[in-house]
Amino acid sequence: MLHSATPGLRMKGHDYQRWARLNLPHARTVLQRIGRSLEALGAFGNTGNGHAAPLAAAFDAVEQCLRGFDEDPPAEEALGAADEAAALARALAATILATPFRGDRLGQHVRNLFECLGLPEEGAEQSLRCGERPDSPLR
């Protein structure tokens, strides 16, 4: 089935469903929560731990990608931006996984970030790896 989310643009079902779930401005907010969680866990505090610089770089890359979104752009642009942000969010999650820093709250924020990028299934998987408890009441 084709849907028209933006005048002149026709999307297939999967793209339309993903576009309908996108919220790039909120993804930026959730990313800030990830940063605060990492800070609270001490991930950025000790530059001698070997994890601070890679985490900061991965975090900054996602932040740069999402920085300009005060509102969601038209569908085609939003999907492209979400794809770029998702690739960077995957790199951030992989960087987190290369550290000892985990936590239920951190995992919840990682899940929320992927949900805002229209990828709830991937978010559910990544969140558990980043420390969200499987029995978390917010799952």
Protein backbone atom coordinates (compact mmCIF):
# COMPACT_ATOMS: atom_id res chain seq x y z
CA MET A 1 0.00 0.00 0.00
CA LEU A 2 1.26 3.48 -0.85
CA HIS A 3 0.72 6.46 1.41
CA SER A 4 1.22 10.14 0.81
CA ALA A 5 2.90 11.71 3.84
CA THR A 6 4.10 14.77 1.99
CA PRO A 7 2.57 16.28 -1.15
CA GLY A 8 4.16 14.65 -4.17
CA LEU A 9 5.79 11.86 -2.15
CA ARG A 10 4.50 8.31 -2.15
CA MET A 11 5.84 5.84 0.41
CA LYS A 12 5.52 2.13 0.77
CA GLY A 13 3.99 0.73 3.97
CA HIS A 14 7.20 0.12 5.91
CA ASP A 15 8.62 3.57 5.17
CA TYR A 16 5.32 5.19 6.05
CA GLN A 17 5.08 3.31 9.35
CA ARG A 18 8.62 4.29 10.23
CA TRP A 19 8.06 7.92 9.23
CA ALA A 20 4.93 8.02 11.39
CA ARG A 21 7.03 6.99 14.43
CA LEU A 22 9.91 9.41 13.83
CA ASN A 23 10.51 12.25 16.23
CA LEU A 24 13.90 13.77 15.52
CA PRO A 25 13.55 16.68 18.00
CA HIS A 26 12.77 14.23 20.79
CA ALA A 27 15.64 11.98 19.67
CA ARG A 28 17.92 14.93 20.41
CA THR A 29 16.38 15.24 23.90
CA VAL A 30 16.78 11.53 24.57
CA LEU A 31 20.40 11.69 23.42
CA GLN A 32 21.04 14.34 26.08
CA ARG A 33 19.59 11.93 28.64
CA ILE A 34 22.03 9.27 27.43
CA GLY A 35 24.84 11.75 27.95
CA ARG A 36 23.68 12.54 31.48
CA SER A 37 23.39 8.82 32.27
CA LEU A 38 26.90 8.18 31.00
CA GLU A 39 28.14 11.13 33.04
CA ALA A 40 26.41 9.79 36.17
CA LEU A 41 28.06 6.40 35.59
CA GLY A 42 31.46 8.11 35.40
CA ALA A 43 32.02 7.30 31.73
CA PHE A 44 33.26 10.78 30.82
CA GLY A 45 34.83 11.72 34.14
CA ASN A 46 38.08 9.84 34.11
CA THR A 47 39.98 10.48 30.90
CA GLY A 48 42.57 7.93 32.02
CA ASN A 49 40.04 5.10 31.86
CA GLY A 50 40.52 4.79 28.09
CA HIS A 51 36.78 5.00 27.44
CA ALA A 52 36.10 8.73 27.80
CA ALA A 53 37.46 9.90 24.45
CA PRO A 54 35.80 7.24 22.26
CA LEU A 55 32.49 7.67 24.10
CA ALA A 56 32.65 11.44 23.79
CA ALA A 57 33.43 11.20 20.08
CA ALA A 58 30.59 8.74 19.40
CA PHE A 59 28.17 10.82 21.47
CA ASP A 60 29.22 14.05 19.74
CA ALA A 61 28.71 12.47 16.30
CA VAL A 62 25.07 11.63 17.08
CA GLU A 63 24.57 15.04 18.66
CA GLN A 64 25.91 16.81 15.56
CA CYS A 65 23.58 14.78 13.37
CA LEU A 66 20.49 15.66 15.43
CA ARG A 67 21.42 19.22 16.38
CA GLY A 68 19.43 21.03 13.69
CA PHE A 69 16.06 19.39 14.29
CA ASP A 70 13.73 21.71 16.18
CA GLU A 71 10.91 20.21 14.12
CA ASP A 72 10.61 17.12 11.99
CA PRO A 73 11.41 17.84 8.33
CA PRO A 74 9.36 16.51 5.39
CA ALA A 75 9.11 12.74 5.20
CA GLU A 76 11.87 11.96 2.71
CA GLU A 77 14.38 14.21 4.49
CA ALA A 78 13.28 12.88 7.89
CA LEU A 79 13.84 9.27 6.84
CA GLY A 80 17.30 10.08 5.48
CA ALA A 81 18.25 11.95 8.64
CA ALA A 82 16.90 9.11 10.78
CA ASP A 83 18.97 6.59 8.80
CA GLU A 84 22.11 8.67 9.36
CA ALA A 85 21.33 9.16 13.05
CA ALA A 86 20.58 5.43 13.46
CA ALA A 87 23.96 4.48 12.00
CA LEU A 88 25.66 6.86 14.43
CA ALA A 89 23.48 5.62 17.31
CA ARG A 90 24.57 2.05 16.51
CA ALA A 91 28.18 3.20 16.70
CA LEU A 92 27.46 4.90 20.04
CA ALA A 93 25.83 1.73 21.39
CA ALA A 94 28.82 -0.34 20.23
CA THR A 95 31.15 2.11 21.95
CA ILE A 96 29.10 1.86 25.14
CA LEU A 97 29.31 -1.93 24.90
CA ALA A 98 33.11 -1.70 24.70
CA THR A 99 33.07 -0.12 28.18
CA PRO A 100 32.01 -1.43 31.58
CA PHE A 101 29.30 1.24 31.85
CA ARG A 102 25.77 -0.17 31.98
CA GLY A 103 22.57 0.74 33.73
CA ASP A 104 18.82 0.28 33.61
CA ARG A 105 18.25 3.97 32.97
CA LEU A 106 20.97 4.12 30.31
CA GLY A 107 19.43 1.14 28.53
CA GLN A 108 15.98 2.75 28.67
CA HIS A 109 17.34 5.89 27.05
CA VAL A 110 19.07 3.89 24.33
CA ARG A 111 15.76 2.13 23.62
CA ASN A 112 13.96 5.47 23.50
CA LEU A 113 16.53 6.90 21.08
CA PHE A 114 15.99 4.09 18.60
CA GLU A 115 12.22 4.39 19.03
CA CYS A 116 12.46 8.08 18.13
CA LEU A 117 14.38 7.06 15.01
CA GLY A 118 11.53 4.74 14.02
CA LEU A 119 13.36 1.54 15.00
CA PRO A 120 11.61 0.18 18.11
CA GLU A 121 12.65 -3.46 17.62
CA GLU A 122 16.31 -2.53 17.35
CA GLY A 123 15.93 -0.26 20.36
CA ALA A 124 14.51 -3.12 22.42
CA GLU A 125 17.57 -5.25 21.60
CA GLN A 126 20.16 -2.52 22.10
CA SER A 127 18.63 -1.44 25.41
CA LEU A 128 19.15 -4.84 27.00
CA ARG A 129 22.79 -4.87 25.93
CA CYS A 130 23.27 -1.42 27.46
CA GLY A 131 21.87 -2.49 30.80
CA GLU A 132 18.09 -2.17 30.78
CA ARG A 133 16.64 -4.87 32.98
CA PRO A 134 14.34 -7.27 31.10
CA ASP A 135 11.79 -6.85 33.89
CA SER A 136 11.99 -3.05 33.85
CA PRO A 137 8.52 -1.57 34.37
CA LEU A 138 9.12 0.80 31.44
CA ARG A 139 9.65 -1.99 28.87
